N, C-alpha and C. Protein backbone atom coordinates (compact mmCIF):
# COMPACT_ATOMS: atom_id res chain seq x y z
N MET A 1 75.89 -164.71 -11.61
CA MET A 1 75.19 -163.42 -11.56
C MET A 1 76.20 -162.29 -11.42
N THR A 2 75.82 -161.12 -11.89
CA THR A 2 76.68 -159.97 -11.81
C THR A 2 76.19 -159.03 -10.73
N SER A 3 77.10 -158.19 -10.24
CA SER A 3 76.73 -157.18 -9.26
C SER A 3 76.33 -155.90 -9.97
N PRO A 4 75.60 -155.00 -9.28
CA PRO A 4 75.20 -153.75 -9.92
C PRO A 4 76.39 -152.95 -10.43
N ASP A 5 76.16 -152.26 -11.57
CA ASP A 5 77.18 -151.37 -12.15
C ASP A 5 78.46 -152.12 -12.49
N THR A 6 78.34 -153.32 -13.00
CA THR A 6 79.49 -154.12 -13.38
C THR A 6 80.08 -153.59 -14.67
N THR A 7 81.41 -153.56 -14.73
CA THR A 7 82.09 -153.11 -15.95
C THR A 7 82.25 -154.29 -16.89
N PRO A 8 81.81 -154.16 -18.15
CA PRO A 8 81.98 -155.26 -19.10
C PRO A 8 83.45 -155.55 -19.35
N PRO A 9 83.80 -156.77 -19.76
CA PRO A 9 85.20 -157.11 -20.03
C PRO A 9 85.72 -156.41 -21.28
N ASP A 10 87.02 -156.36 -21.41
CA ASP A 10 87.62 -155.85 -22.64
C ASP A 10 87.38 -156.84 -23.77
N ILE A 11 87.16 -156.33 -24.97
CA ILE A 11 87.00 -157.19 -26.14
C ILE A 11 87.80 -156.62 -27.29
N GLU A 12 88.07 -157.46 -28.26
CA GLU A 12 88.82 -157.06 -29.45
C GLU A 12 88.13 -157.63 -30.68
N LEU A 13 87.91 -156.79 -31.69
CA LEU A 13 87.38 -157.26 -32.96
C LEU A 13 88.51 -157.92 -33.73
N LYS A 14 88.35 -159.22 -34.04
CA LYS A 14 89.41 -159.98 -34.69
C LYS A 14 89.26 -160.02 -36.20
N ALA A 15 88.03 -160.06 -36.70
CA ALA A 15 87.80 -160.15 -38.14
C ALA A 15 86.34 -159.84 -38.43
N GLU A 16 86.08 -159.41 -39.68
CA GLU A 16 84.70 -159.21 -40.09
C GLU A 16 84.58 -159.34 -41.60
N SER A 17 83.37 -159.69 -42.04
CA SER A 17 83.11 -159.85 -43.46
C SER A 17 81.61 -159.83 -43.68
N THR A 18 81.21 -159.59 -44.92
CA THR A 18 79.80 -159.68 -45.29
C THR A 18 79.47 -161.12 -45.64
N LEU A 19 78.35 -161.61 -45.12
CA LEU A 19 77.97 -162.99 -45.32
C LEU A 19 76.56 -163.05 -45.91
N PRO A 20 76.40 -163.63 -47.12
CA PRO A 20 75.05 -163.83 -47.65
C PRO A 20 74.41 -165.04 -46.97
N THR A 21 73.17 -164.91 -46.52
CA THR A 21 72.47 -166.00 -45.84
C THR A 21 71.08 -166.17 -46.44
N GLU A 22 70.40 -167.21 -46.01
CA GLU A 22 69.04 -167.45 -46.50
C GLU A 22 68.08 -166.34 -46.09
N PHE A 23 68.42 -165.60 -45.04
CA PHE A 23 67.56 -164.51 -44.58
C PHE A 23 67.95 -163.18 -45.21
N GLY A 24 69.15 -163.09 -45.74
CA GLY A 24 69.68 -161.85 -46.30
C GLY A 24 71.13 -161.66 -45.86
N ALA A 25 71.73 -160.59 -46.34
CA ALA A 25 73.14 -160.34 -46.03
C ALA A 25 73.30 -159.85 -44.59
N VAL A 26 74.40 -160.30 -43.95
CA VAL A 26 74.73 -159.83 -42.61
C VAL A 26 76.20 -159.43 -42.58
N ARG A 27 76.52 -158.54 -41.67
CA ARG A 27 77.92 -158.27 -41.37
C ARG A 27 78.32 -159.20 -40.24
N LEU A 28 79.21 -160.16 -40.53
CA LEU A 28 79.64 -161.14 -39.55
C LEU A 28 80.93 -160.67 -38.91
N MET A 29 80.93 -160.53 -37.60
CA MET A 29 82.08 -160.02 -36.87
C MET A 29 82.48 -161.02 -35.80
N VAL A 30 83.79 -161.21 -35.62
CA VAL A 30 84.31 -162.13 -34.62
C VAL A 30 85.03 -161.32 -33.54
N PHE A 31 84.61 -161.51 -32.29
CA PHE A 31 85.18 -160.79 -31.16
C PHE A 31 85.87 -161.78 -30.21
N HIS A 32 86.90 -161.27 -29.57
CA HIS A 32 87.62 -162.06 -28.58
C HIS A 32 87.86 -161.22 -27.34
N SER A 33 87.77 -161.87 -26.19
CA SER A 33 88.03 -161.19 -24.92
C SER A 33 89.24 -161.83 -24.26
N PRO A 34 90.26 -161.04 -23.88
CA PRO A 34 91.43 -161.61 -23.19
C PRO A 34 91.00 -162.38 -21.95
N GLY A 35 91.58 -163.55 -21.77
CA GLY A 35 91.22 -164.38 -20.64
C GLY A 35 90.05 -165.31 -20.90
N ASN A 36 89.44 -165.18 -22.08
CA ASN A 36 88.35 -166.07 -22.48
C ASN A 36 88.79 -166.76 -23.76
N GLU A 37 88.86 -168.09 -23.73
CA GLU A 37 89.45 -168.81 -24.86
C GLU A 37 88.56 -168.86 -26.09
N ASP A 38 87.29 -168.54 -25.96
CA ASP A 38 86.36 -168.67 -27.08
C ASP A 38 86.24 -167.37 -27.87
N ASP A 39 85.95 -167.51 -29.15
CA ASP A 39 85.58 -166.38 -30.00
C ASP A 39 84.06 -166.30 -30.04
N HIS A 40 83.54 -165.08 -30.08
CA HIS A 40 82.10 -164.85 -30.08
C HIS A 40 81.72 -164.10 -31.34
N LEU A 41 80.52 -164.38 -31.85
CA LEU A 41 80.09 -163.84 -33.13
C LEU A 41 79.01 -162.78 -32.96
N ALA A 42 79.07 -161.78 -33.84
CA ALA A 42 78.00 -160.81 -33.96
C ALA A 42 77.52 -160.81 -35.40
N LEU A 43 76.21 -161.05 -35.59
CA LEU A 43 75.59 -160.94 -36.90
C LEU A 43 74.81 -159.63 -36.91
N VAL A 44 75.27 -158.69 -37.70
CA VAL A 44 74.72 -157.33 -37.67
C VAL A 44 73.98 -157.06 -38.97
N VAL A 45 72.76 -156.58 -38.83
CA VAL A 45 71.92 -156.22 -39.97
C VAL A 45 71.62 -154.73 -39.90
N GLY A 46 71.90 -154.01 -40.97
CA GLY A 46 71.63 -152.58 -41.01
C GLY A 46 72.60 -151.77 -40.18
N GLU A 47 72.28 -150.50 -40.00
CA GLU A 47 73.11 -149.59 -39.23
C GLU A 47 72.62 -149.54 -37.78
N VAL A 48 73.49 -149.87 -36.87
CA VAL A 48 73.08 -149.94 -35.46
C VAL A 48 73.81 -148.93 -34.58
N ALA A 49 74.85 -148.30 -35.09
CA ALA A 49 75.60 -147.32 -34.30
C ALA A 49 74.72 -146.13 -33.96
N ASP A 50 74.69 -145.76 -32.69
CA ASP A 50 73.91 -144.62 -32.18
C ASP A 50 72.40 -144.82 -32.35
N ALA A 51 71.97 -146.03 -32.60
CA ALA A 51 70.55 -146.30 -32.79
C ALA A 51 69.89 -146.72 -31.48
N GLU A 52 68.65 -146.36 -31.33
CA GLU A 52 67.88 -146.72 -30.14
C GLU A 52 66.87 -147.81 -30.50
N GLY A 53 66.56 -148.64 -29.52
CA GLY A 53 65.56 -149.68 -29.73
C GLY A 53 65.97 -150.71 -30.75
N VAL A 54 67.25 -151.05 -30.78
CA VAL A 54 67.76 -152.01 -31.75
C VAL A 54 67.32 -153.43 -31.34
N LEU A 55 66.78 -154.17 -32.29
CA LEU A 55 66.37 -155.54 -32.01
C LEU A 55 67.61 -156.40 -31.81
N VAL A 56 67.72 -157.05 -30.65
CA VAL A 56 68.93 -157.78 -30.27
C VAL A 56 68.56 -159.14 -29.70
N ARG A 57 69.32 -160.13 -30.10
CA ARG A 57 69.22 -161.46 -29.50
C ARG A 57 70.57 -161.85 -28.93
N LEU A 58 70.62 -162.19 -27.63
CA LEU A 58 71.80 -162.78 -27.02
C LEU A 58 71.59 -164.30 -27.05
N HIS A 59 72.25 -164.96 -27.97
CA HIS A 59 72.00 -166.39 -28.15
C HIS A 59 73.21 -167.19 -27.73
N SER A 60 73.02 -168.06 -26.77
CA SER A 60 74.11 -168.92 -26.31
C SER A 60 74.21 -170.15 -27.21
N GLU A 61 75.42 -170.48 -27.59
CA GLU A 61 75.68 -171.62 -28.46
C GLU A 61 74.94 -172.87 -27.98
N CYS A 62 74.29 -173.56 -28.91
CA CYS A 62 73.64 -174.83 -28.62
C CYS A 62 73.83 -175.72 -29.85
N ILE A 63 74.90 -176.49 -29.83
CA ILE A 63 75.20 -177.34 -30.98
C ILE A 63 74.07 -178.32 -31.24
N THR A 64 73.52 -178.90 -30.19
CA THR A 64 72.47 -179.90 -30.38
C THR A 64 71.20 -179.29 -30.97
N GLY A 65 70.85 -178.08 -30.54
CA GLY A 65 69.64 -177.44 -31.04
C GLY A 65 69.85 -176.65 -32.32
N ASP A 66 70.89 -175.82 -32.35
CA ASP A 66 71.12 -174.94 -33.50
C ASP A 66 71.60 -175.71 -34.72
N LEU A 67 72.47 -176.69 -34.51
CA LEU A 67 73.10 -177.40 -35.61
C LEU A 67 72.42 -178.73 -35.93
N LEU A 68 72.03 -179.47 -34.89
CA LEU A 68 71.50 -180.82 -35.09
C LEU A 68 69.98 -180.89 -35.05
N GLY A 69 69.33 -179.77 -34.73
CA GLY A 69 67.87 -179.75 -34.74
C GLY A 69 67.21 -180.51 -33.60
N SER A 70 67.88 -180.60 -32.45
CA SER A 70 67.31 -181.31 -31.31
C SER A 70 65.99 -180.69 -30.88
N LEU A 71 65.05 -181.55 -30.50
CA LEU A 71 63.76 -181.09 -30.00
C LEU A 71 63.69 -181.11 -28.48
N ARG A 72 64.82 -181.42 -27.82
CA ARG A 72 64.85 -181.41 -26.35
C ARG A 72 64.77 -180.00 -25.81
N CYS A 73 65.18 -179.02 -26.60
CA CYS A 73 65.19 -177.62 -26.15
C CYS A 73 64.53 -176.77 -27.23
N ASP A 74 64.43 -175.47 -26.94
CA ASP A 74 63.85 -174.53 -27.91
C ASP A 74 64.90 -173.63 -28.54
N CYS A 75 66.19 -173.98 -28.39
CA CYS A 75 67.27 -173.10 -28.83
C CYS A 75 67.30 -172.90 -30.34
N GLY A 76 67.22 -174.00 -31.09
CA GLY A 76 67.27 -173.88 -32.54
C GLY A 76 66.11 -173.07 -33.08
N GLU A 77 64.94 -173.26 -32.50
CA GLU A 77 63.76 -172.51 -32.91
C GLU A 77 63.93 -171.02 -32.61
N GLN A 78 64.47 -170.69 -31.44
CA GLN A 78 64.70 -169.29 -31.08
C GLN A 78 65.75 -168.65 -31.99
N PHE A 79 66.79 -169.42 -32.31
CA PHE A 79 67.85 -168.92 -33.17
C PHE A 79 67.30 -168.53 -34.54
N ALA A 80 66.54 -169.43 -35.15
CA ALA A 80 65.99 -169.17 -36.48
C ALA A 80 64.98 -168.03 -36.46
N GLU A 81 64.11 -168.01 -35.44
CA GLU A 81 63.09 -166.97 -35.36
C GLU A 81 63.72 -165.60 -35.12
N SER A 82 64.76 -165.54 -34.31
CA SER A 82 65.45 -164.27 -34.06
C SER A 82 66.07 -163.74 -35.34
N ARG A 83 66.71 -164.60 -36.09
CA ARG A 83 67.31 -164.17 -37.36
C ARG A 83 66.23 -163.65 -38.29
N ARG A 84 65.11 -164.34 -38.37
CA ARG A 84 64.03 -163.90 -39.25
C ARG A 84 63.51 -162.53 -38.84
N LEU A 85 63.27 -162.35 -37.55
CA LEU A 85 62.71 -161.08 -37.08
C LEU A 85 63.68 -159.92 -37.28
N ILE A 86 64.97 -160.16 -37.07
CA ILE A 86 65.95 -159.10 -37.25
C ILE A 86 66.04 -158.69 -38.72
N HIS A 87 66.06 -159.66 -39.60
CA HIS A 87 66.09 -159.32 -41.03
C HIS A 87 64.80 -158.66 -41.47
N GLU A 88 63.68 -159.10 -40.92
CA GLU A 88 62.40 -158.49 -41.25
C GLU A 88 62.37 -157.02 -40.83
N ALA A 89 62.99 -156.73 -39.68
CA ALA A 89 63.05 -155.35 -39.20
C ALA A 89 64.05 -154.51 -39.99
N GLY A 90 65.00 -155.16 -40.66
CA GLY A 90 66.01 -154.43 -41.43
C GLY A 90 67.11 -153.84 -40.58
N GLN A 91 67.11 -154.18 -39.29
CA GLN A 91 68.13 -153.65 -38.38
C GLN A 91 68.17 -154.54 -37.13
N GLY A 92 69.36 -154.87 -36.69
CA GLY A 92 69.45 -155.63 -35.45
C GLY A 92 70.77 -156.35 -35.31
N VAL A 93 70.93 -156.99 -34.18
CA VAL A 93 72.17 -157.69 -33.86
C VAL A 93 71.82 -159.03 -33.21
N LEU A 94 72.40 -160.10 -33.74
CA LEU A 94 72.33 -161.39 -33.09
C LEU A 94 73.73 -161.74 -32.62
N LEU A 95 73.89 -161.88 -31.30
CA LEU A 95 75.17 -162.26 -30.74
C LEU A 95 75.16 -163.75 -30.46
N TYR A 96 76.13 -164.45 -31.02
CA TYR A 96 76.24 -165.90 -30.81
C TYR A 96 77.38 -166.12 -29.82
N LEU A 97 77.00 -166.32 -28.57
CA LEU A 97 77.95 -166.39 -27.47
C LEU A 97 78.28 -167.84 -27.17
N ARG A 98 79.56 -168.12 -27.00
CA ARG A 98 80.03 -169.50 -26.85
C ARG A 98 79.84 -169.95 -25.40
N GLN A 99 78.59 -170.21 -25.05
CA GLN A 99 78.23 -170.61 -23.68
C GLN A 99 77.35 -171.85 -23.75
N GLU A 100 77.90 -172.90 -24.34
CA GLU A 100 77.15 -174.14 -24.55
C GLU A 100 76.60 -174.69 -23.23
N GLY A 101 75.37 -175.17 -23.31
CA GLY A 101 74.78 -175.82 -22.14
C GLY A 101 74.56 -174.91 -20.96
N ARG A 102 74.14 -173.65 -21.22
CA ARG A 102 74.00 -172.64 -20.18
C ARG A 102 75.30 -172.45 -19.42
N GLY A 103 76.42 -172.58 -20.16
CA GLY A 103 77.72 -172.27 -19.59
C GLY A 103 78.51 -173.45 -19.06
N ILE A 104 78.00 -174.69 -19.22
CA ILE A 104 78.71 -175.84 -18.64
C ILE A 104 79.51 -176.61 -19.68
N GLY A 105 79.37 -176.29 -20.96
CA GLY A 105 80.12 -176.98 -22.00
C GLY A 105 79.38 -178.19 -22.55
N LEU A 106 79.81 -178.63 -23.73
CA LEU A 106 79.10 -179.69 -24.43
C LEU A 106 79.18 -181.03 -23.71
N VAL A 107 80.36 -181.38 -23.19
CA VAL A 107 80.52 -182.69 -22.54
C VAL A 107 79.60 -182.81 -21.33
N ASP A 108 79.63 -181.82 -20.45
CA ASP A 108 78.77 -181.88 -19.26
C ASP A 108 77.30 -181.71 -19.62
N LYS A 109 77.03 -181.02 -20.71
CA LYS A 109 75.64 -180.92 -21.17
C LYS A 109 75.08 -182.30 -21.52
N LEU A 110 75.88 -183.10 -22.21
CA LEU A 110 75.43 -184.45 -22.56
C LEU A 110 75.34 -185.34 -21.32
N ARG A 111 76.24 -185.12 -20.35
CA ARG A 111 76.13 -185.84 -19.08
C ARG A 111 74.82 -185.47 -18.36
N ALA A 112 74.49 -184.20 -18.44
CA ALA A 112 73.23 -183.75 -17.84
C ALA A 112 72.04 -184.37 -18.56
N TYR A 113 72.14 -184.50 -19.86
CA TYR A 113 71.07 -185.16 -20.62
C TYR A 113 70.85 -186.59 -20.12
N GLN A 114 71.95 -187.29 -19.82
CA GLN A 114 71.82 -188.66 -19.32
C GLN A 114 71.04 -188.69 -18.00
N LEU A 115 71.32 -187.72 -17.14
CA LEU A 115 70.60 -187.64 -15.87
C LEU A 115 69.14 -187.28 -16.09
N GLN A 116 68.88 -186.42 -17.08
CA GLN A 116 67.50 -186.09 -17.41
C GLN A 116 66.75 -187.31 -17.92
N ASP A 117 67.44 -188.16 -18.67
CA ASP A 117 66.81 -189.39 -19.17
C ASP A 117 66.45 -190.33 -18.03
N SER A 118 67.14 -190.19 -16.89
CA SER A 118 66.85 -191.05 -15.73
C SER A 118 65.83 -190.42 -14.79
N GLY A 119 65.33 -189.22 -15.13
CA GLY A 119 64.24 -188.64 -14.36
C GLY A 119 64.44 -187.24 -13.82
N MET A 120 65.68 -186.71 -13.85
CA MET A 120 65.91 -185.35 -13.35
C MET A 120 65.43 -184.31 -14.35
N ASP A 121 65.11 -183.11 -13.85
CA ASP A 121 64.86 -182.02 -14.79
C ASP A 121 66.18 -181.32 -15.10
N THR A 122 66.14 -180.33 -15.98
CA THR A 122 67.38 -179.71 -16.46
C THR A 122 68.15 -179.00 -15.36
N VAL A 123 67.47 -178.40 -14.40
CA VAL A 123 68.14 -177.72 -13.29
C VAL A 123 68.75 -178.75 -12.34
N GLU A 124 67.98 -179.76 -11.98
CA GLU A 124 68.49 -180.80 -11.07
C GLU A 124 69.73 -181.48 -11.66
N ALA A 125 69.71 -181.73 -12.96
CA ALA A 125 70.83 -182.40 -13.61
C ALA A 125 72.09 -181.54 -13.56
N ASN A 126 71.97 -180.26 -13.86
CA ASN A 126 73.13 -179.37 -13.79
C ASN A 126 73.72 -179.33 -12.38
N LEU A 127 72.86 -179.23 -11.38
CA LEU A 127 73.32 -179.19 -9.99
C LEU A 127 73.98 -180.50 -9.59
N ALA A 128 73.46 -181.61 -10.09
CA ALA A 128 73.98 -182.92 -9.71
C ALA A 128 75.40 -183.15 -10.20
N ILE A 129 75.78 -182.50 -11.30
CA ILE A 129 77.15 -182.68 -11.81
C ILE A 129 78.05 -181.51 -11.41
N GLY A 130 77.59 -180.72 -10.44
CA GLY A 130 78.45 -179.72 -9.84
C GLY A 130 78.43 -178.34 -10.46
N HIS A 131 77.38 -178.03 -11.23
CA HIS A 131 77.28 -176.72 -11.87
C HIS A 131 76.11 -175.94 -11.29
N GLN A 132 76.07 -174.65 -11.63
CA GLN A 132 74.91 -173.83 -11.32
C GLN A 132 73.78 -174.21 -12.28
N ALA A 133 72.56 -173.82 -11.91
CA ALA A 133 71.44 -174.03 -12.83
C ALA A 133 71.68 -173.29 -14.14
N ASP A 134 72.27 -172.09 -14.05
CA ASP A 134 72.60 -171.30 -15.24
C ASP A 134 73.88 -170.53 -14.92
N ALA A 135 74.97 -170.91 -15.59
CA ALA A 135 76.28 -170.31 -15.30
C ALA A 135 76.66 -169.22 -16.30
N ARG A 136 75.72 -168.79 -17.12
CA ARG A 136 76.07 -167.83 -18.16
C ARG A 136 76.26 -166.42 -17.62
N ASP A 137 77.18 -165.71 -18.25
CA ASP A 137 77.43 -164.30 -17.96
C ASP A 137 77.39 -163.55 -19.29
N TYR A 138 76.68 -162.44 -19.31
CA TYR A 138 76.47 -161.72 -20.56
C TYR A 138 77.32 -160.47 -20.68
N GLY A 139 78.42 -160.44 -19.90
CA GLY A 139 79.30 -159.28 -19.96
C GLY A 139 79.93 -159.08 -21.33
N ILE A 140 80.37 -160.17 -21.97
CA ILE A 140 80.95 -160.05 -23.30
C ILE A 140 79.90 -159.56 -24.30
N GLY A 141 78.68 -160.04 -24.16
CA GLY A 141 77.60 -159.56 -25.03
C GLY A 141 77.38 -158.07 -24.86
N ALA A 142 77.37 -157.61 -23.61
CA ALA A 142 77.20 -156.18 -23.35
C ALA A 142 78.36 -155.38 -23.94
N ALA A 143 79.59 -155.91 -23.79
CA ALA A 143 80.76 -155.21 -24.34
C ALA A 143 80.68 -155.10 -25.86
N ILE A 144 80.21 -156.15 -26.52
CA ILE A 144 80.09 -156.10 -27.98
C ILE A 144 79.05 -155.07 -28.39
N LEU A 145 77.91 -155.07 -27.71
CA LEU A 145 76.86 -154.09 -28.05
C LEU A 145 77.37 -152.66 -27.86
N ARG A 146 78.13 -152.44 -26.81
CA ARG A 146 78.67 -151.10 -26.59
C ARG A 146 79.70 -150.75 -27.65
N SER A 147 80.50 -151.72 -28.08
CA SER A 147 81.50 -151.45 -29.11
C SER A 147 80.85 -151.15 -30.45
N LEU A 148 79.67 -151.72 -30.68
CA LEU A 148 78.92 -151.43 -31.91
C LEU A 148 78.20 -150.09 -31.85
N GLY A 149 78.17 -149.48 -30.68
CA GLY A 149 77.54 -148.18 -30.54
C GLY A 149 76.04 -148.22 -30.36
N VAL A 150 75.51 -149.39 -30.02
CA VAL A 150 74.06 -149.52 -29.83
C VAL A 150 73.62 -148.69 -28.62
N GLY A 151 72.60 -147.86 -28.84
CA GLY A 151 72.13 -147.00 -27.76
C GLY A 151 71.27 -147.73 -26.75
N SER A 152 70.23 -148.40 -27.21
CA SER A 152 69.35 -149.20 -26.37
C SER A 152 68.83 -150.36 -27.20
N VAL A 153 68.32 -151.38 -26.50
CA VAL A 153 67.95 -152.60 -27.21
C VAL A 153 66.50 -152.98 -26.94
N ARG A 154 65.93 -153.63 -27.92
CA ARG A 154 64.69 -154.39 -27.76
C ARG A 154 65.13 -155.84 -27.75
N LEU A 155 65.08 -156.47 -26.59
CA LEU A 155 65.74 -157.76 -26.41
C LEU A 155 64.80 -158.92 -26.69
N LEU A 156 65.22 -159.76 -27.63
CA LEU A 156 64.49 -160.97 -27.98
C LEU A 156 64.81 -162.05 -26.94
N THR A 157 63.93 -162.24 -25.99
CA THR A 157 64.21 -163.20 -24.91
C THR A 157 62.96 -163.51 -24.12
N ASN A 158 62.97 -164.67 -23.47
CA ASN A 158 61.98 -165.02 -22.45
C ASN A 158 62.61 -165.06 -21.07
N ASN A 159 63.91 -164.74 -21.01
CA ASN A 159 64.72 -164.94 -19.81
C ASN A 159 64.97 -163.61 -19.09
N PRO A 160 64.38 -163.39 -17.92
CA PRO A 160 64.56 -162.12 -17.22
C PRO A 160 66.00 -161.86 -16.79
N ASP A 161 66.80 -162.92 -16.61
CA ASP A 161 68.20 -162.73 -16.20
C ASP A 161 69.00 -162.00 -17.26
N LYS A 162 68.68 -162.22 -18.53
CA LYS A 162 69.39 -161.51 -19.60
C LYS A 162 69.13 -160.01 -19.50
N ILE A 163 67.89 -159.65 -19.23
CA ILE A 163 67.55 -158.24 -19.09
C ILE A 163 68.28 -157.65 -17.89
N ASP A 164 68.23 -158.33 -16.76
CA ASP A 164 68.88 -157.84 -15.54
C ASP A 164 70.38 -157.64 -15.76
N GLN A 165 71.02 -158.63 -16.39
CA GLN A 165 72.47 -158.53 -16.58
C GLN A 165 72.84 -157.41 -17.54
N LEU A 166 72.12 -157.28 -18.64
CA LEU A 166 72.44 -156.20 -19.57
C LEU A 166 72.34 -154.84 -18.88
N LYS A 167 71.30 -154.66 -18.10
CA LYS A 167 71.13 -153.39 -17.39
C LYS A 167 72.29 -153.16 -16.42
N ARG A 168 72.71 -154.20 -15.72
CA ARG A 168 73.83 -154.06 -14.78
C ARG A 168 75.13 -153.73 -15.50
N TYR A 169 75.25 -154.21 -16.73
CA TYR A 169 76.44 -153.92 -17.52
C TYR A 169 76.32 -152.59 -18.27
N GLY A 170 75.25 -151.87 -18.05
CA GLY A 170 75.12 -150.53 -18.62
C GLY A 170 74.48 -150.45 -19.98
N VAL A 171 73.79 -151.51 -20.42
CA VAL A 171 73.09 -151.49 -21.71
C VAL A 171 71.60 -151.30 -21.44
N PRO A 172 71.01 -150.18 -21.86
CA PRO A 172 69.59 -149.96 -21.62
C PRO A 172 68.72 -150.93 -22.42
N VAL A 173 67.73 -151.50 -21.75
CA VAL A 173 66.78 -152.39 -22.40
C VAL A 173 65.44 -151.66 -22.48
N ALA A 174 65.05 -151.28 -23.70
CA ALA A 174 63.83 -150.50 -23.89
C ALA A 174 62.59 -151.39 -23.86
N GLU A 175 62.75 -152.65 -24.26
CA GLU A 175 61.59 -153.53 -24.39
C GLU A 175 62.06 -154.98 -24.44
N ARG A 176 61.21 -155.87 -23.92
CA ARG A 176 61.42 -157.30 -24.12
C ARG A 176 60.50 -157.78 -25.23
N VAL A 177 61.05 -158.49 -26.19
CA VAL A 177 60.27 -159.06 -27.28
C VAL A 177 60.25 -160.57 -27.08
N ALA A 178 59.06 -161.12 -26.85
CA ALA A 178 58.93 -162.54 -26.53
C ALA A 178 59.24 -163.43 -27.72
N LEU A 179 59.77 -164.61 -27.42
CA LEU A 179 59.99 -165.66 -28.42
C LEU A 179 59.24 -166.90 -27.93
N GLN A 180 58.00 -167.02 -28.33
CA GLN A 180 57.17 -168.12 -27.85
C GLN A 180 57.59 -169.44 -28.50
N PRO A 181 58.04 -170.43 -27.71
CA PRO A 181 58.44 -171.71 -28.28
C PRO A 181 57.24 -172.56 -28.65
N THR A 182 57.50 -173.62 -29.38
CA THR A 182 56.47 -174.60 -29.71
C THR A 182 56.54 -175.76 -28.73
N PRO A 183 55.58 -175.86 -27.80
CA PRO A 183 55.61 -176.98 -26.85
C PRO A 183 55.42 -178.30 -27.58
N ARG A 184 56.29 -179.24 -27.27
CA ARG A 184 56.22 -180.57 -27.86
C ARG A 184 56.38 -181.60 -26.74
N GLU A 185 56.03 -182.82 -27.03
CA GLU A 185 56.23 -183.89 -26.06
C GLU A 185 57.68 -183.96 -25.61
N GLU A 186 58.61 -183.73 -26.56
CA GLU A 186 60.03 -183.87 -26.26
C GLU A 186 60.58 -182.75 -25.39
N ASN A 187 59.93 -181.56 -25.39
CA ASN A 187 60.51 -180.43 -24.66
C ASN A 187 59.61 -179.87 -23.57
N LEU A 188 58.46 -180.47 -23.35
CA LEU A 188 57.48 -179.85 -22.46
C LEU A 188 58.00 -179.76 -21.02
N ARG A 189 58.66 -180.81 -20.52
CA ARG A 189 59.17 -180.74 -19.16
C ARG A 189 60.30 -179.72 -19.06
N TYR A 190 61.14 -179.66 -20.09
CA TYR A 190 62.23 -178.67 -20.15
C TYR A 190 61.66 -177.25 -20.08
N LEU A 191 60.62 -176.98 -20.86
CA LEU A 191 60.03 -175.65 -20.86
C LEU A 191 59.36 -175.34 -19.53
N ALA A 192 58.70 -176.34 -18.96
CA ALA A 192 58.04 -176.13 -17.66
C ALA A 192 59.06 -175.81 -16.58
N THR A 193 60.23 -176.46 -16.63
CA THR A 193 61.28 -176.17 -15.66
C THR A 193 61.80 -174.76 -15.83
N LYS A 194 61.93 -174.30 -17.07
CA LYS A 194 62.33 -172.91 -17.31
C LYS A 194 61.36 -171.94 -16.64
N VAL A 195 60.08 -172.22 -16.78
CA VAL A 195 59.06 -171.34 -16.20
C VAL A 195 59.09 -171.40 -14.68
N GLU A 196 59.10 -172.61 -14.13
CA GLU A 196 58.92 -172.80 -12.68
C GLU A 196 60.19 -172.52 -11.88
N ALA A 197 61.34 -172.88 -12.42
CA ALA A 197 62.58 -172.76 -11.65
C ALA A 197 63.45 -171.59 -12.07
N MET A 198 63.24 -171.05 -13.29
CA MET A 198 64.15 -170.03 -13.81
C MET A 198 63.42 -168.75 -14.23
N ARG A 199 62.13 -168.67 -13.94
CA ARG A 199 61.33 -167.45 -14.15
C ARG A 199 61.18 -167.05 -15.62
N HIS A 200 61.37 -167.96 -16.55
CA HIS A 200 61.20 -167.61 -17.95
C HIS A 200 59.73 -167.34 -18.25
N ASP A 201 59.49 -166.38 -19.10
CA ASP A 201 58.12 -165.96 -19.44
C ASP A 201 57.69 -166.70 -20.71
N ILE A 202 57.09 -167.87 -20.52
CA ILE A 202 56.69 -168.74 -21.63
C ILE A 202 55.26 -169.19 -21.39
N GLU A 203 54.46 -169.19 -22.45
CA GLU A 203 53.10 -169.70 -22.36
C GLU A 203 53.11 -171.20 -22.65
N LEU A 204 52.58 -171.98 -21.71
CA LEU A 204 52.53 -173.43 -21.85
C LEU A 204 51.09 -173.91 -21.77
N PRO A 205 50.82 -175.08 -22.35
CA PRO A 205 49.48 -175.66 -22.18
C PRO A 205 49.19 -175.84 -20.70
N ASP A 206 47.92 -175.64 -20.31
CA ASP A 206 47.60 -175.81 -18.88
C ASP A 206 47.66 -177.29 -18.51
N ALA A 207 47.58 -177.54 -17.22
CA ALA A 207 47.79 -178.91 -16.72
C ALA A 207 46.79 -179.89 -17.32
N SER A 208 45.53 -179.46 -17.48
CA SER A 208 44.51 -180.38 -18.01
C SER A 208 44.81 -180.73 -19.46
N ALA A 209 45.27 -179.72 -20.21
CA ALA A 209 45.61 -179.98 -21.61
C ALA A 209 46.81 -180.91 -21.71
N ARG A 210 47.78 -180.71 -20.79
CA ARG A 210 48.95 -181.60 -20.80
C ARG A 210 48.53 -183.03 -20.44
N ALA A 211 47.61 -183.15 -19.46
CA ALA A 211 47.17 -184.48 -19.07
C ALA A 211 46.49 -185.19 -20.23
N GLU A 212 45.69 -184.45 -21.00
CA GLU A 212 45.01 -185.05 -22.13
C GLU A 212 45.98 -185.51 -23.20
N SER A 213 47.14 -184.81 -23.29
CA SER A 213 48.11 -185.17 -24.33
C SER A 213 49.03 -186.30 -23.90
N ASP A 214 49.05 -186.62 -22.60
CA ASP A 214 49.94 -187.68 -22.10
C ASP A 214 49.42 -189.08 -22.49
């Protein structure tokens, strides 16, 4: 977590190019922050400098969901839907932040999966291997948005911590835009833990409906 009025880290634009995608053309930019070994991506659609209410997604890397189509989480679904909505709006920014596994890395994420297979939920598993429930920090995301000149954002998220952190880093959040996931047998406990333990704003089937589906 960040403290109030936190200063975002320094960042450097390393490279950029136009990228044609299935959703349309994007300006792909690679940013680096001294002291952070990872490069972070910004997919920019339209003109965002000095713009207010820019549609923005802060998306943490999820190789299993984004790349492999895992149904254990809703990350891949959120990634695709955010890209669609931003292109549909004709303006926006998707930041792809290298914070795999809510900040614990791919190896420990898979270790946490093993614990989840034995009965733990996603928060319990992270804590059991010595991590926080959510170790992500969005300072680099805030720094990138400020470097792009974004005035205020409409944030694509169900996670209140993202809103709180952006505000603390000095990025005004004009609105939260919900990304409703698709509850499935494979992800229902994961989504329920997000709601109950992490305050995510997600609509889930009620208990009776879940019991009928079990």
